[in-house]
Amino acid sequence: MVTVYFVRDGSKIRVDVPEGTTLMEAAKESHVRIHEIPADCGGSCACCTCHIHLTDKWVDKLGKIDYNGLETSLMEYEKNYVEGVSRLACQIKLQPEHDGLIVNLLKHELL
């Protein structure tokens, strides 16, 4: 199991999920509010509605994002995009080395 903490307004939501679960799926299992991770495309890296911010400690542990890749091209024009900190939760597959991961939730506009 991998433990992840979603931070909302300074409080942490803990969720334990099996290895191989995406961060987006972990958010859905933890009952994160729909406006925080709507995940409209269901995890296919097509909508940017699972945009989160990593905490500084975890940026390096998750590895560098491909700045020429699809994930970055989707996020770079988003209102809350922060280079090096922004990620799509659907693109992070949780492994044992991610145990204790802390991510900051963002509010997404609902259509």
C-alpha atoms as a PDB file:
ATOM      1  CA  MET A   1       0.000   0.000   0.000  1.00  0.00           C
ATOM      2  CA  VAL A   2       1.012   3.580  -0.701  1.00  0.00           C
ATOM      3  CA  THR A   3      -0.155   6.439   1.528  1.00  0.00           C
ATOM      4  CA  VAL A   4      -0.906   9.777  -0.122  1.00  0.00           C
ATOM      5  CA  TYR A   5      -1.935  13.054   1.490  1.00  0.00           C
ATOM      6  CA  PHE A   6      -4.100  15.553  -0.389  1.00  0.00           C
ATOM      7  CA  VAL A   7      -3.860  19.046   1.130  1.00  0.00           C
ATOM      8  CA  ARG A   8      -6.929  21.264   1.125  1.00  0.00           C
ATOM      9  CA  ASP A   9      -6.865  24.619   2.930  1.00  0.00           C
ATOM     10  CA  GLY A  10      -4.039  23.454   5.185  1.00  0.00           C
ATOM     11  CA  SER A  11      -5.664  20.169   6.247  1.00  0.00           C
ATOM     12  CA  LYS A  12      -4.559  16.763   4.976  1.00  0.00           C
ATOM     13  CA  ILE A  13      -6.773  14.031   3.564  1.00  0.00           C
ATOM     14  CA  ARG A  14      -5.066  10.648   3.919  1.00  0.00           C
ATOM     15  CA  VAL A  15      -5.697   7.827   1.480  1.00  0.00           C
ATOM     16  CA  ASP A  16      -4.074   4.387   1.266  1.00  0.00           C
ATOM     17  CA  VAL A  17      -4.085   2.769  -2.171  1.00  0.00           C
ATOM     18  CA  PRO A  18      -2.439  -0.234  -3.818  1.00  0.00           C
ATOM     19  CA  GLU A  19       0.832   0.210  -5.689  1.00  0.00           C
ATOM     20  CA  GLY A  20       0.191   1.042  -9.363  1.00  0.00           C
ATOM     21  CA  THR A  21      -2.846   3.246  -8.639  1.00  0.00           C
ATOM     22  CA  THR A  22      -2.665   6.656 -10.284  1.00  0.00           C
ATOM     23  CA  LEU A  23      -2.787   9.747  -8.123  1.00  0.00           C
ATOM     24  CA  MET A  24      -6.056  10.668  -9.865  1.00  0.00           C
ATOM     25  CA  GLU A  25      -7.596   7.307  -8.903  1.00  0.00           C
ATOM     26  CA  ALA A  26      -6.362   7.788  -5.333  1.00  0.00           C
ATOM     27  CA  ALA A  27      -8.141  11.158  -5.221  1.00  0.00           C
ATOM     28  CA  LYS A  28     -11.374   9.568  -6.413  1.00  0.00           C
ATOM     29  CA  GLU A  29     -11.085   6.856  -3.736  1.00  0.00           C
ATOM     30  CA  SER A  30     -10.533   9.468  -1.030  1.00  0.00           C
ATOM     31  CA  HIS A  31     -13.706  11.309  -2.000  1.00  0.00           C
ATOM     32  CA  VAL A  32     -11.836  14.507  -2.859  1.00  0.00           C
ATOM     33  CA  ARG A  33     -14.395  17.138  -3.813  1.00  0.00           C
ATOM     34  CA  ILE A  34     -15.511  17.064  -7.438  1.00  0.00           C
ATOM     35  CA  HIS A  35     -14.284  20.629  -8.099  1.00  0.00           C
ATOM     36  CA  GLU A  36     -10.767  19.706  -6.947  1.00  0.00           C
ATOM     37  CA  ILE A  37     -10.162  16.722  -9.231  1.00  0.00           C
ATOM     38  CA  PRO A  38     -13.048  16.373 -11.687  1.00  0.00           C
ATOM     39  CA  ALA A  39     -10.949  14.136 -13.986  1.00  0.00           C
ATOM     40  CA  ASP A  40     -13.317  14.733 -16.876  1.00  0.00           C
ATOM     41  CA  CYS A  41     -11.354  12.563 -19.333  1.00  0.00           C
ATOM     42  CA  GLY A  42     -11.097   9.634 -16.906  1.00  0.00           C
ATOM     43  CA  GLY A  43      -7.305   9.654 -16.847  1.00  0.00           C
ATOM     44  CA  SER A  44      -6.402   9.731 -20.526  1.00  0.00           C
ATOM     45  CA  CYS A  45      -4.267  12.912 -20.298  1.00  0.00           C
ATOM     46  CA  ALA A  46      -6.722  14.885 -22.409  1.00  0.00           C
ATOM     47  CA  CYS A  47      -8.395  17.489 -20.196  1.00  0.00           C
ATOM     48  CA  CYS A  48      -6.139  18.887 -17.443  1.00  0.00           C
ATOM     49  CA  THR A  49      -8.887  18.685 -14.789  1.00  0.00           C
ATOM     50  CA  CYS A  50      -6.716  16.623 -12.453  1.00  0.00           C
ATOM     51  CA  HIS A  51      -4.061  19.369 -12.270  1.00  0.00           C
ATOM     52  CA  ILE A  52      -2.360  19.394  -8.852  1.00  0.00           C
ATOM     53  CA  HIS A  53       0.699  21.037  -7.311  1.00  0.00           C
ATOM     54  CA  LEU A  54       3.474  18.940  -5.822  1.00  0.00           C
ATOM     55  CA  THR A  55       5.109  20.023  -2.610  1.00  0.00           C
ATOM     56  CA  ASP A  56       8.787  20.912  -2.955  1.00  0.00           C
ATOM     57  CA  LYS A  57       9.952  17.720  -1.229  1.00  0.00           C
ATOM     58  CA  TRP A  58       8.279  15.555  -3.884  1.00  0.00           C
ATOM     59  CA  VAL A  59       9.198  17.377  -7.102  1.00  0.00           C
ATOM     60  CA  ASP A  60      12.571  15.615  -7.384  1.00  0.00           C
ATOM     61  CA  LYS A  61      11.311  12.283  -6.037  1.00  0.00           C
ATOM     62  CA  LEU A  62       8.728  11.988  -8.808  1.00  0.00           C
ATOM     63  CA  GLY A  63      11.250  12.776 -11.500  1.00  0.00           C
ATOM     64  CA  LYS A  64      11.418  15.596 -13.977  1.00  0.00           C
ATOM     65  CA  ILE A  65       8.446  16.195 -16.212  1.00  0.00           C
ATOM     66  CA  ASP A  66       9.022  16.137 -19.972  1.00  0.00           C
ATOM     67  CA  TYR A  67       8.661  19.823 -20.836  1.00  0.00           C
ATOM     68  CA  ASN A  68       8.021  18.921 -24.484  1.00  0.00           C
ATOM     69  CA  GLY A  69       5.435  16.265 -23.632  1.00  0.00           C
ATOM     70  CA  LEU A  70       1.645  16.163 -23.742  1.00  0.00           C
ATOM     71  CA  GLU A  71       1.258  16.665 -19.985  1.00  0.00           C
ATOM     72  CA  THR A  72       3.121  19.987 -20.074  1.00  0.00           C
ATOM     73  CA  SER A  73       1.451  21.171 -23.269  1.00  0.00           C
ATOM     74  CA  LEU A  74      -1.956  20.675 -21.625  1.00  0.00           C
ATOM     75  CA  MET A  75      -1.038  22.505 -18.429  1.00  0.00           C
ATOM     76  CA  GLU A  76       1.152  25.387 -19.550  1.00  0.00           C
ATOM     77  CA  TYR A  77      -1.793  27.662 -20.340  1.00  0.00           C
ATOM     78  CA  GLU A  78      -3.779  26.745 -17.230  1.00  0.00           C
ATOM     79  CA  LYS A  79      -4.532  29.511 -14.739  1.00  0.00           C
ATOM     80  CA  ASN A  80      -2.707  27.812 -11.852  1.00  0.00           C
ATOM     81  CA  TYR A  81       0.220  26.393 -13.842  1.00  0.00           C
ATOM     82  CA  VAL A  82       3.552  26.608 -12.002  1.00  0.00           C
ATOM     83  CA  GLU A  83       6.557  25.239 -13.864  1.00  0.00           C
ATOM     84  CA  GLY A  84       8.209  22.408 -11.974  1.00  0.00           C
ATOM     85  CA  VAL A  85       5.359  22.072  -9.462  1.00  0.00           C
ATOM     86  CA  SER A  86       2.281  21.461 -11.635  1.00  0.00           C
ATOM     87  CA  ARG A  87       1.450  17.901 -12.642  1.00  0.00           C
ATOM     88  CA  LEU A  88      -1.541  15.948 -13.876  1.00  0.00           C
ATOM     89  CA  ALA A  89      -2.606  13.420 -11.259  1.00  0.00           C
ATOM     90  CA  CYS A  90      -3.560  10.913 -13.960  1.00  0.00           C
ATOM     91  CA  GLN A  91       0.080  10.758 -15.091  1.00  0.00           C
ATOM     92  CA  ILE A  92       1.545   9.807 -11.706  1.00  0.00           C
ATOM     93  CA  LYS A  93       1.477   6.065 -11.081  1.00  0.00           C
ATOM     94  CA  LEU A  94       2.101   5.465  -7.386  1.00  0.00           C
ATOM     95  CA  GLN A  95       4.984   3.207  -6.394  1.00  0.00           C
ATOM     96  CA  PRO A  96       6.382   2.245  -2.951  1.00  0.00           C
ATOM     97  CA  GLU A  97       8.917   5.093  -3.136  1.00  0.00           C
ATOM     98  CA  HIS A  98       5.976   7.542  -3.279  1.00  0.00           C
ATOM     99  CA  ASP A  99       4.720   6.489   0.156  1.00  0.00           C
ATOM    100  CA  GLY A 100       3.894   9.652   2.104  1.00  0.00           C
ATOM    101  CA  LEU A 101       3.435  11.806  -1.044  1.00  0.00           C
ATOM    102  CA  ILE A 102       1.885  15.199  -0.299  1.00  0.00           C
ATOM    103  CA  VAL A 103       0.048  17.111  -3.035  1.00  0.00           C
ATOM    104  CA  ASN A 104      -1.859  20.384  -2.999  1.00  0.00           C
ATOM    105  CA  LEU A 105      -5.362  20.382  -4.433  1.00  0.00           C
ATOM    106  CA  LEU A 106      -6.555  23.156  -6.750  1.00  0.00           C
ATOM    107  CA  LYS A 107     -10.116  24.274  -7.468  1.00  0.00           C
ATOM    108  CA  HIS A 108     -11.174  23.596 -11.057  1.00  0.00           C
ATOM    109  CA  GLU A 109     -13.967  25.377 -12.858  1.00  0.00           C
ATOM    110  CA  LEU A 110     -16.938  23.066 -13.342  1.00  0.00           C
ATOM    111  CA  LEU A 111     -18.631  23.172 -16.729  1.00  0.00           C
END
